[in-house]
Protein backbone atom coordinates (compact mmCIF):
# COMPACT_ATOMS: atom_id res chain seq x y z
CA UNK A 1 0.00 0.00 0.00
CA UNK A 2 2.86 2.36 0.86
CA UNK A 3 4.49 1.68 -2.52
CA UNK A 4 1.27 2.45 -4.40
CA UNK A 5 0.89 5.69 -2.45
CA UNK A 6 4.49 6.64 -3.32
CA UNK A 7 3.89 5.91 -7.00
CA UNK A 8 0.72 8.02 -7.03
CA UNK A 9 2.42 10.83 -5.11
CA UNK A 10 5.42 10.74 -7.47
CA UNK A 11 3.17 10.88 -10.52
CA UNK A 12 1.21 13.79 -9.06
CA UNK A 13 4.37 15.72 -8.24
CA UNK A 14 5.76 15.05 -11.70
CA UNK A 15 2.55 16.35 -13.26
CA UNK A 16 2.69 19.47 -11.11
CA UNK A 17 6.31 20.07 -12.09
CA UNK A 18 5.45 19.67 -15.78
CA UNK A 19 2.49 22.03 -15.35
CA UNK A 20 4.73 24.54 -13.59
CA UNK A 21 7.31 24.43 -16.38
CA UNK A 22 4.55 24.76 -18.99
CA UNK A 23 3.22 27.82 -17.17
CA UNK A 24 6.72 29.26 -17.04
CA UNK A 25 7.26 28.57 -20.75
CA UNK A 26 4.07 30.52 -21.50
CA UNK A 27 5.42 33.31 -19.31
CA UNK A 28 8.75 33.20 -21.14
CA UNK A 29 6.91 33.49 -24.46
CA UNK A 30 5.36 36.68 -23.09
CA UNK A 31 8.75 37.89 -21.85
CA UNK A 32 10.41 37.16 -25.21
CA UNK A 33 7.79 38.09 -27.83
CA UNK A 34 10.28 38.10 -30.72
CA UNK A 35 11.19 34.48 -30.04
CA UNK A 36 7.50 33.57 -29.75
CA UNK A 37 6.76 35.39 -33.02
CA UNK A 38 9.68 33.64 -34.73
CA UNK A 39 8.35 30.23 -33.67
CA UNK A 40 4.92 31.10 -35.06
CA UNK A 41 6.36 32.43 -38.32
CA UNK A 42 8.63 29.45 -38.85
CA UNK A 43 5.79 27.02 -38.06
CA UNK A 44 3.69 28.82 -40.70
CA UNK A 45 6.53 28.59 -43.23
CA UNK A 46 6.92 24.87 -42.52
CA UNK A 47 3.21 24.28 -43.10
CA UNK A 48 3.36 26.31 -46.32
CA UNK A 49 6.38 24.41 -47.64
CA UNK A 50 4.92 21.02 -46.70
CA UNK A 51 1.71 21.84 -48.60
CA UNK A 52 3.48 23.31 -51.62
CA UNK A 53 3.31 21.17 -54.76
CA UNK A 54 6.84 22.14 -55.85
CA UNK A 55 10.21 21.42 -54.26
CA UNK A 56 11.70 24.94 -54.31
CA UNK A 57 14.53 23.95 -56.64
CA UNK A 58 15.39 20.89 -54.59
CA UNK A 59 15.67 22.82 -51.32
CA UNK A 60 12.30 21.96 -49.81
CA UNK A 61 13.29 18.97 -47.67
CA UNK A 62 16.40 20.64 -46.27
CA UNK A 63 14.52 23.88 -45.61
CA UNK A 64 11.78 22.03 -43.73
CA UNK A 65 14.30 20.05 -41.68
CA UNK A 66 16.32 23.15 -40.83
CA UNK A 67 13.18 25.08 -39.93
CA UNK A 68 11.97 22.30 -37.64
CA UNK A 69 15.38 22.24 -35.96
CA UNK A 70 15.21 26.01 -35.46
CA UNK A 71 11.75 25.79 -33.86
CA UNK A 72 12.95 22.97 -31.61
CA UNK A 73 15.97 25.01 -30.52
CA UNK A 74 13.89 28.14 -29.88
CA UNK A 75 11.43 26.13 -27.77
CA UNK A 76 14.31 24.58 -25.84
CA UNK A 77 15.72 28.05 -25.21
CA UNK A 78 12.40 29.19 -23.75
CA UNK A 79 12.10 26.01 -21.68
CA UNK A 80 15.63 26.50 -20.32
CA UNK A 81 14.84 30.08 -19.41
CA UNK A 82 11.59 28.96 -17.73
CA UNK A 83 13.40 26.28 -15.74
CA UNK A 84 16.16 28.73 -14.73
CA UNK A 85 13.62 31.33 -13.64
CA UNK A 86 11.72 28.71 -11.66
CA UNK A 87 14.85 27.91 -9.65
CA UNK A 88 15.20 31.49 -8.44
PDB file of N, CA and C in Angstrom:
ATOM      1  N   UNK A   1       0.823  -1.187   0.000  1.00  0.00           N
ATOM      2  CA  UNK A   1       0.000   0.000   0.000  1.00  0.00           C
ATOM      3  C   UNK A   1       0.872   1.257   0.000  1.00  0.00           C
ATOM      4  N   UNK A   2       1.959   1.218   0.786  1.00  0.00           N
ATOM      5  CA  UNK A   2       2.857   2.359   0.863  1.00  0.00           C
ATOM      6  C   UNK A   2       3.510   2.620  -0.500  1.00  0.00           C
ATOM      7  N   UNK A   3       3.861   1.542  -1.204  1.00  0.00           N
ATOM      8  CA  UNK A   3       4.487   1.683  -2.520  1.00  0.00           C
ATOM      9  C   UNK A   3       3.519   2.309  -3.510  1.00  0.00           C
ATOM     10  N   UNK A   4       2.268   1.882  -3.511  1.00  0.00           N
ATOM     11  CA  UNK A   4       1.265   2.455  -4.402  1.00  0.00           C
ATOM     12  C   UNK A   4       1.086   3.936  -4.101  1.00  0.00           C
ATOM     13  N   UNK A   5       1.040   4.282  -2.832  1.00  0.00           N
ATOM     14  CA  UNK A   5       0.891   5.688  -2.449  1.00  0.00           C
ATOM     15  C   UNK A   5       2.093   6.491  -2.962  1.00  0.00           C
ATOM     16  N   UNK A   6       3.293   5.947  -2.844  1.00  0.00           N
ATOM     17  CA  UNK A   6       4.487   6.644  -3.321  1.00  0.00           C
ATOM     18  C   UNK A   6       4.467   6.830  -4.833  1.00  0.00           C
ATOM     19  N   UNK A   7       3.989   5.813  -5.542  1.00  0.00           N
ATOM     20  CA  UNK A   7       3.892   5.911  -7.001  1.00  0.00           C
ATOM     21  C   UNK A   7       2.900   7.003  -7.391  1.00  0.00           C
ATOM     22  N   UNK A   8       1.745   7.014  -6.737  1.00  0.00           N
ATOM     23  CA  UNK A   8       0.716   8.019  -7.035  1.00  0.00           C
ATOM     24  C   UNK A   8       1.237   9.416  -6.686  1.00  0.00           C
ATOM     25  N   UNK A   9       1.874   9.548  -5.534  1.00  0.00           N
ATOM     26  CA  UNK A   9       2.422  10.832  -5.115  1.00  0.00           C
ATOM     27  C   UNK A   9       3.503  11.291  -6.095  1.00  0.00           C
ATOM     28  N   UNK A  10       4.370  10.393  -6.504  1.00  0.00           N
ATOM     29  CA  UNK A  10       5.421  10.736  -7.469  1.00  0.00           C
ATOM     30  C   UNK A  10       4.843  11.194  -8.793  1.00  0.00           C
ATOM     31  N   UNK A  11       3.815  10.498  -9.260  1.00  0.00           N
ATOM     32  CA  UNK A  11       3.172  10.878 -10.521  1.00  0.00           C
ATOM     33  C   UNK A  11       2.520  12.249 -10.395  1.00  0.00           C
ATOM     34  N   UNK A  12       1.867  12.500  -9.281  1.00  0.00           N
ATOM     35  CA  UNK A  12       1.213  13.789  -9.057  1.00  0.00           C
ATOM     36  C   UNK A  12       2.239  14.914  -9.015  1.00  0.00           C
ATOM     37  N   UNK A  13       3.334  14.691  -8.316  1.00  0.00           N
ATOM     38  CA  UNK A  13       4.372  15.721  -8.239  1.00  0.00           C
ATOM     39  C   UNK A  13       5.015  15.962  -9.599  1.00  0.00           C
ATOM     40  N   UNK A  14       5.217  14.903 -10.353  1.00  0.00           N
ATOM     41  CA  UNK A  14       5.756  15.048 -11.703  1.00  0.00           C
ATOM     42  C   UNK A  14       4.826  15.846 -12.595  1.00  0.00           C
ATOM     43  N   UNK A  15       3.522  15.597 -12.472  1.00  0.00           N
ATOM     44  CA  UNK A  15       2.547  16.347 -13.255  1.00  0.00           C
ATOM     45  C   UNK A  15       2.552  17.814 -12.869  1.00  0.00           C
ATOM     46  N   UNK A  16       2.640  18.087 -11.572  1.00  0.00           N
ATOM     47  CA  UNK A  16       2.685  19.474 -11.114  1.00  0.00           C
ATOM     48  C   UNK A  16       3.939  20.173 -11.616  1.00  0.00           C
ATOM     49  N   UNK A  17       5.069  19.476 -11.599  1.00  0.00           N
ATOM     50  CA  UNK A  17       6.313  20.067 -12.093  1.00  0.00           C
ATOM     51  C   UNK A  17       6.201  20.382 -13.576  1.00  0.00           C
ATOM     52  N   UNK A  18       5.633  19.448 -14.343  1.00  0.00           N
ATOM     53  CA  UNK A  18       5.452  19.671 -15.778  1.00  0.00           C
ATOM     54  C   UNK A  18       4.516  20.841 -16.013  1.00  0.00           C
ATOM     55  N   UNK A  19       3.438  20.920 -15.231  1.00  0.00           N
ATOM     56  CA  UNK A  19       2.492  22.027 -15.348  1.00  0.00           C
ATOM     57  C   UNK A  19       3.185  23.339 -15.024  1.00  0.00           C
ATOM     58  N   UNK A  20       4.009  23.329 -13.977  1.00  0.00           N
ATOM     59  CA  UNK A  20       4.733  24.535 -13.592  1.00  0.00           C
ATOM     60  C   UNK A  20       5.684  25.001 -14.674  1.00  0.00           C
ATOM     61  N   UNK A  21       6.396  24.069 -15.292  1.00  0.00           N
ATOM     62  CA  UNK A  21       7.308  24.425 -16.375  1.00  0.00           C
ATOM     63  C   UNK A  21       6.520  24.944 -17.569  1.00  0.00           C
ATOM     64  N   UNK A  22       5.381  24.304 -17.876  1.00  0.00           N
ATOM     65  CA  UNK A  22       4.546  24.762 -18.995  1.00  0.00           C
ATOM     66  C   UNK A  22       4.044  26.179 -18.746  1.00  0.00           C
ATOM     67  N   UNK A  23       3.647  26.456 -17.506  1.00  0.00           N
ATOM     68  CA  UNK A  23       3.216  27.816 -17.173  1.00  0.00           C
ATOM     69  C   UNK A  23       4.366  28.785 -17.354  1.00  0.00           C
ATOM     70  N   UNK A  24       5.555  28.392 -16.904  1.00  0.00           N
ATOM     71  CA  UNK A  24       6.719  29.260 -17.043  1.00  0.00           C
ATOM     72  C   UNK A  24       7.105  29.460 -18.501  1.00  0.00           C
ATOM     73  N   UNK A  25       6.950  28.429 -19.324  1.00  0.00           N
ATOM     74  CA  UNK A  25       7.258  28.570 -20.754  1.00  0.00           C
ATOM     75  C   UNK A  25       6.303  29.587 -21.367  1.00  0.00           C
ATOM     76  N   UNK A  26       5.029  29.530 -20.995  1.00  0.00           N
ATOM     77  CA  UNK A  26       4.068  30.519 -21.498  1.00  0.00           C
ATOM     78  C   UNK A  26       4.484  31.916 -21.051  1.00  0.00           C
ATOM     79  N   UNK A  27       4.946  32.021 -19.822  1.00  0.00           N
ATOM     80  CA  UNK A  27       5.416  33.307 -19.308  1.00  0.00           C
ATOM     81  C   UNK A  27       6.647  33.771 -20.075  1.00  0.00           C
ATOM     82  N   UNK A  28       7.556  32.845 -20.377  1.00  0.00           N
ATOM     83  CA  UNK A  28       8.753  33.196 -21.138  1.00  0.00           C
ATOM     84  C   UNK A  28       8.387  33.654 -22.544  1.00  0.00           C
ATOM     85  N   UNK A  29       7.364  33.040 -23.139  1.00  0.00           N
ATOM     86  CA  UNK A  29       6.907  33.486 -24.462  1.00  0.00           C
ATOM     87  C   UNK A  29       6.462  34.936 -24.380  1.00  0.00           C
ATOM     88  N   UNK A  30       5.792  35.294 -23.284  1.00  0.00           N
ATOM     89  CA  UNK A  30       5.362  36.682 -23.095  1.00  0.00           C
ATOM     90  C   UNK A  30       6.562  37.597 -22.850  1.00  0.00           C
ATOM     91  N   UNK A  31       7.562  37.090 -22.142  1.00  0.00           N
ATOM     92  CA  UNK A  31       8.754  37.888 -21.850  1.00  0.00           C
ATOM     93  C   UNK A  31       9.666  38.050 -23.060  1.00  0.00           C
ATOM     94  N   UNK A  32       9.556  37.139 -24.010  1.00  0.00           N
ATOM     95  CA  UNK A  32      10.412  37.164 -25.206  1.00  0.00           C
ATOM     96  C   UNK A  32       9.531  37.084 -26.448  1.00  0.00           C
ATOM     97  N   UNK A  33       8.768  38.144 -26.731  1.00  0.00           N
ATOM     98  CA  UNK A  33       7.791  38.089 -27.833  1.00  0.00           C
ATOM     99  C   UNK A  33       8.420  37.886 -29.209  1.00  0.00           C
ATOM    100  N   UNK A  34       9.646  38.307 -29.407  1.00  0.00           N
ATOM    101  CA  UNK A  34      10.283  38.105 -30.716  1.00  0.00           C
ATOM    102  C   UNK A  34      10.568  36.631 -30.955  1.00  0.00           C
ATOM    103  N   UNK A  35      10.965  35.924 -29.911  1.00  0.00           N
ATOM    104  CA  UNK A  35      11.194  34.481 -30.044  1.00  0.00           C
ATOM    105  C   UNK A  35       9.865  33.783 -30.301  1.00  0.00           C
ATOM    106  N   UNK A  36       8.827  34.167 -29.560  1.00  0.00           N
ATOM    107  CA  UNK A  36       7.499  33.570 -29.753  1.00  0.00           C
ATOM    108  C   UNK A  36       6.997  33.833 -31.174  1.00  0.00           C
ATOM    109  N   UNK A  37       7.194  35.048 -31.661  1.00  0.00           N
ATOM    110  CA  UNK A  37       6.764  35.385 -33.019  1.00  0.00           C
ATOM    111  C   UNK A  37       7.567  34.602 -34.059  1.00  0.00           C
ATOM    112  N   UNK A  38       8.853  34.416 -33.798  1.00  0.00           N
ATOM    113  CA  UNK A  38       9.685  33.639 -34.727  1.00  0.00           C
ATOM    114  C   UNK A  38       9.196  32.200 -34.816  1.00  0.00           C
ATOM    115  N   UNK A  39       8.863  31.612 -33.671  1.00  0.00           N
ATOM    116  CA  UNK A  39       8.346  30.235 -33.665  1.00  0.00           C
ATOM    117  C   UNK A  39       7.083  30.148 -34.506  1.00  0.00           C
ATOM    118  N   UNK A  40       6.175  31.095 -34.304  1.00  0.00           N
ATOM    119  CA  UNK A  40       4.916  31.102 -35.058  1.00  0.00           C
ATOM    120  C   UNK A  40       5.177  31.266 -36.553  1.00  0.00           C
ATOM    121  N   UNK A  41       6.056  32.191 -36.905  1.00  0.00           N
ATOM    122  CA  UNK A  41       6.362  32.431 -38.322  1.00  0.00           C
ATOM    123  C   UNK A  41       7.021  31.224 -38.981  1.00  0.00           C
ATOM    124  N   UNK A  42       7.955  30.621 -38.279  1.00  0.00           N
ATOM    125  CA  UNK A  42       8.635  29.452 -38.848  1.00  0.00           C
ATOM    126  C   UNK A  42       7.669  28.280 -38.976  1.00  0.00           C
ATOM    127  N   UNK A  43       6.804  28.075 -37.967  1.00  0.00           N
ATOM    128  CA  UNK A  43       5.786  27.023 -38.063  1.00  0.00           C
ATOM    129  C   UNK A  43       4.891  27.246 -39.279  1.00  0.00           C
ATOM    130  N   UNK A  44       4.508  28.505 -39.529  1.00  0.00           N
ATOM    131  CA  UNK A  44       3.689  28.824 -40.705  1.00  0.00           C
ATOM    132  C   UNK A  44       4.442  28.523 -41.999  1.00  0.00           C
ATOM    133  N   UNK A  45       5.719  28.861 -42.032  1.00  0.00           N
ATOM    134  CA  UNK A  45       6.526  28.593 -43.229  1.00  0.00           C
ATOM    135  C   UNK A  45       6.665  27.096 -43.469  1.00  0.00           C
ATOM    136  N   UNK A  46       6.831  26.336 -42.392  1.00  0.00           N
ATOM    137  CA  UNK A  46       6.922  24.873 -42.521  1.00  0.00           C
ATOM    138  C   UNK A  46       5.637  24.327 -43.121  1.00  0.00           C
ATOM    139  N   UNK A  47       4.506  24.754 -42.579  1.00  0.00           N
ATOM    140  CA  UNK A  47       3.214  24.283 -43.096  1.00  0.00           C
ATOM    141  C   UNK A  47       3.053  24.654 -44.571  1.00  0.00           C
ATOM    142  N   UNK A  48       3.456  25.861 -44.935  1.00  0.00           N
ATOM    143  CA  UNK A  48       3.364  26.307 -46.318  1.00  0.00           C
ATOM    144  C   UNK A  48       4.236  25.440 -47.228  1.00  0.00           C
ATOM    145  N   UNK A  49       5.480  25.214 -46.819  1.00  0.00           N
ATOM    146  CA  UNK A  49       6.383  24.407 -47.636  1.00  0.00           C
ATOM    147  C   UNK A  49       5.894  22.969 -47.762  1.00  0.00           C
ATOM    148  N   UNK A  50       5.398  22.407 -46.655  1.00  0.00           N
ATOM    149  CA  UNK A  50       4.917  21.019 -46.701  1.00  0.00           C
ATOM    150  C   UNK A  50       3.727  20.874 -47.643  1.00  0.00           C
ATOM    151  N   UNK A  51       2.893  21.903 -47.733  1.00  0.00           N
ATOM    152  CA  UNK A  51       1.705  21.839 -48.596  1.00  0.00           C
ATOM    153  C   UNK A  51       2.004  22.224 -50.041  1.00  0.00           C
ATOM    154  N   UNK A  52       3.143  22.836 -50.270  1.00  0.00           N
ATOM    155  CA  UNK A  52       3.482  23.307 -51.616  1.00  0.00           C
ATOM    156  C   UNK A  52       3.683  22.133 -52.572  1.00  0.00           C
ATOM    157  N   UNK A  53       3.177  22.261 -53.792  1.00  0.00           N
ATOM    158  CA  UNK A  53       3.312  21.175 -54.757  1.00  0.00           C
ATOM    159  C   UNK A  53       4.704  21.104 -55.397  1.00  0.00           C
ATOM    160  N   UNK A  54       5.517  22.130 -55.235  1.00  0.00           N
ATOM    161  CA  UNK A  54       6.845  22.136 -55.847  1.00  0.00           C
ATOM    162  C   UNK A  54       7.912  21.951 -54.778  1.00  0.00           C
ATOM    163  N   UNK A  55       9.143  21.735 -55.221  1.00  0.00           N
ATOM    164  CA  UNK A  55      10.205  21.422 -54.257  1.00  0.00           C
ATOM    165  C   UNK A  55      11.210  22.558 -54.064  1.00  0.00           C
ATOM    166  N   UNK A  56      10.845  23.760 -54.507  1.00  0.00           N
ATOM    167  CA  UNK A  56      11.697  24.938 -54.311  1.00  0.00           C
ATOM    168  C   UNK A  56      13.126  24.685 -54.809  1.00  0.00           C
ATOM    169  N   UNK A  57      13.224  24.179 -56.021  1.00  0.00           N
ATOM    170  CA  UNK A  57      14.531  23.949 -56.639  1.00  0.00           C
ATOM    171  C   UNK A  57      15.354  22.894 -55.917  1.00  0.00           C
ATOM    172  N   UNK A  58      14.682  21.953 -55.291  1.00  0.00           N
ATOM    173  CA  UNK A  58      15.391  20.887 -54.592  1.00  0.00           C
ATOM    174  C   UNK A  58      15.759  21.226 -53.148  1.00  0.00           C
ATOM    175  N   UNK A  59      15.309  22.374 -52.665  1.00  0.00           N
ATOM    176  CA  UNK A  59      15.674  22.819 -51.316  1.00  0.00           C
ATOM    177  C   UNK A  59      14.576  22.585 -50.272  1.00  0.00           C
ATOM    178  N   UNK A  60      13.448  22.082 -50.697  1.00  0.00           N
ATOM    179  CA  UNK A  60      12.296  21.960 -49.813  1.00  0.00           C
ATOM    180  C   UNK A  60      12.574  21.080 -48.597  1.00  0.00           C
ATOM    181  N   UNK A  61      13.072  19.898 -48.793  1.00  0.00           N
ATOM    182  CA  UNK A  61      13.289  18.965 -47.674  1.00  0.00           C
ATOM    183  C   UNK A  61      14.293  19.526 -46.676  1.00  0.00           C
ATOM    184  N   UNK A  62      15.383  20.079 -47.169  1.00  0.00           N
ATOM    185  CA  UNK A  62      16.401  20.644 -46.274  1.00  0.00           C
ATOM    186  C   UNK A  62      15.856  21.867 -45.537  1.00  0.00           C
ATOM    187  N   UNK A  63      15.090  22.688 -46.239  1.00  0.00           N
ATOM    188  CA  UNK A  63      14.519  23.883 -45.607  1.00  0.00           C
ATOM    189  C   UNK A  63      13.539  23.502 -44.499  1.00  0.00           C
ATOM    190  N   UNK A  64      12.727  22.491 -44.745  1.00  0.00           N
ATOM    191  CA  UNK A  64      11.779  22.027 -43.734  1.00  0.00           C
ATOM    192  C   UNK A  64      12.530  21.463 -42.529  1.00  0.00           C
ATOM    193  N   UNK A  65      13.530  20.640 -42.780  1.00  0.00           N
ATOM    194  CA  UNK A  65      14.301  20.045 -41.682  1.00  0.00           C
ATOM    195  C   UNK A  65      15.012  21.116 -40.859  1.00  0.00           C
ATOM    196  N   UNK A  66      15.626  22.071 -41.535  1.00  0.00           N
ATOM    197  CA  UNK A  66      16.321  23.146 -40.827  1.00  0.00           C
ATOM    198  C   UNK A  66      15.350  24.016 -40.033  1.00  0.00           C
ATOM    199  N   UNK A  67      14.194  24.264 -40.606  1.00  0.00           N
ATOM    200  CA  UNK A  67      13.181  25.078 -39.929  1.00  0.00           C
ATOM    201  C   UNK A  67      12.657  24.369 -38.687  1.00  0.00           C
ATOM    202  N   UNK A  68      12.424  23.063 -38.809  1.00  0.00           N
ATOM    203  CA  UNK A  68      11.970  22.297 -37.644  1.00  0.00           C
ATOM    204  C   UNK A  68      13.030  22.289 -36.553  1.00  0.00           C
ATOM    205  N   UNK A  69      14.289  22.203 -36.937  1.00  0.00           N
ATOM    206  CA  UNK A  69      15.379  22.245 -35.956  1.00  0.00           C
ATOM    207  C   UNK A  69      15.427  23.608 -35.273  1.00  0.00           C
ATOM    208  N   UNK A  70      15.208  24.666 -36.036  1.00  0.00           N
ATOM    209  CA  UNK A  70      15.214  26.014 -35.461  1.00  0.00           C
ATOM    210  C   UNK A  70      14.078  26.179 -34.449  1.00  0.00           C
ATOM    211  N   UNK A  71      12.894  25.701 -34.793  1.00  0.00           N
ATOM    212  CA  UNK A  71      11.754  25.788 -33.864  1.00  0.00           C
ATOM    213  C   UNK A  71      12.052  24.988 -32.605  1.00  0.00           C
ATOM    214  N   UNK A  72      12.603  23.796 -32.768  1.00  0.00           N
ATOM    215  CA  UNK A  72      12.953  22.970 -31.609  1.00  0.00           C
ATOM    216  C   UNK A  72      13.932  23.705 -30.704  1.00  0.00           C
ATOM    217  N   UNK A  73      14.959  24.298 -31.305  1.00  0.00           N
ATOM    218  CA  UNK A  73      15.968  25.013 -30.521  1.00  0.00           C
ATOM    219  C   UNK A  73      15.383  26.241 -29.824  1.00  0.00           C
ATOM    220  N   UNK A  74      14.517  26.967 -30.508  1.00  0.00           N
ATOM    221  CA  UNK A  74      13.888  28.135 -29.885  1.00  0.00           C
ATOM    222  C   UNK A  74      13.007  27.714 -28.707  1.00  0.00           C
ATOM    223  N   UNK A  75      12.269  26.626 -28.873  1.00  0.00           N
ATOM    224  CA  UNK A  75      11.434  26.132 -27.769  1.00  0.00           C
ATOM    225  C   UNK A  75      12.290  25.661 -26.599  1.00  0.00           C
ATOM    226  N   UNK A  76      13.404  25.017 -26.909  1.00  0.00           N
ATOM    227  CA  UNK A  76      14.308  24.583 -25.842  1.00  0.00           C
ATOM    228  C   UNK A  76      14.912  25.776 -25.114  1.00  0.00           C
ATOM    229  N   UNK A  77      15.191  26.836 -25.839  1.00  0.00           N
ATOM    230  CA  UNK A  77      15.724  28.050 -25.211  1.00  0.00           C
ATOM    231  C   UNK A  77      14.705  28.635 -24.239  1.00  0.00           C
ATOM    232  N   UNK A  78      13.439  28.687 -24.641  1.00  0.00           N
ATOM    233  CA  UNK A  78      12.396  29.192 -23.749  1.00  0.00           C
ATOM    234  C   UNK A  78      12.204  28.268 -22.550  1.00  0.00           C
ATOM    235  N   UNK A  79      12.253  26.967 -22.784  1.00  0.00           N
ATOM    236  CA  UNK A  79      12.098  26.008 -21.682  1.00  0.00           C
ATOM    237  C   UNK A  79      13.260  26.128 -20.697  1.00  0.00           C
ATOM    238  N   UNK A  80      14.475  26.313 -21.201  1.00  0.00           N
ATOM    239  CA  UNK A  80      15.628  26.495 -20.321  1.00  0.00           C
ATOM    240  C   UNK A  80      15.449  27.745 -19.472  1.00  0.00           C
ATOM    241  N   UNK A  81      15.042  28.821 -20.127  1.00  0.00           N
ATOM    242  CA  UNK A  81      14.841  30.079 -19.412  1.00  0.00           C
ATOM    243  C   UNK A  81      13.758  29.906 -18.331  1.00  0.00           C
ATOM    244  N   UNK A  82      12.680  29.193 -18.678  1.00  0.00           N
ATOM    245  CA  UNK A  82      11.591  28.958 -17.731  1.00  0.00           C
ATOM    246  C   UNK A  82      12.086  28.146 -16.537  1.00  0.00           C
ATOM    247  N   UNK A  83      12.875  27.123 -16.815  1.00  0.00           N
ATOM    248  CA  UNK A  83      13.405  26.283 -15.736  1.00  0.00           C
ATOM    249  C   UNK A  83      14.369  27.085 -14.864  1.00  0.00           C
ATOM    250  N   UNK A  84      15.211  27.906 -15.490  1.00  0.00           N
ATOM    251  CA  UNK A  84      16.158  28.727 -14.735  1.00  0.00           C
ATOM    252  C   UNK A  84      15.432  29.738 -13.868  1.00  0.00           C
ATOM    253  N   UNK A  85      14.389  30.347 -14.402  1.00  0.00           N
ATOM    254  CA  UNK A  85      13.615  31.331 -13.636  1.00  0.00           C
ATOM    255  C   UNK A  85      12.871  30.682 -12.489  1.00  0.00           C
ATOM    256  N   UNK A  86      12.457  29.437 -12.686  1.00  0.00           N
ATOM    257  CA  UNK A  86      11.717  28.715 -11.657  1.00  0.00           C
ATOM    258  C   UNK A  86      12.613  28.412 -10.452  1.00  0.00           C
ATOM    259  N   UNK A  87      13.908  28.246 -10.720  1.00  0.00           N
ATOM    260  CA  UNK A  87      14.845  27.912  -9.654  1.00  0.00           C
ATOM    261  C   UNK A  87      15.239  29.103  -8.792  1.00  0.00           C
ATOM    262  N   UNK A  88      14.825  30.288  -9.193  1.00  0.00           N
ATOM    263  CA  UNK A  88      15.205  31.494  -8.441  1.00  0.00           C
ATOM    264  C   UNK A  88      14.447  31.615  -7.146  1.00  0.00           C
TER     265      UNK A  88
END
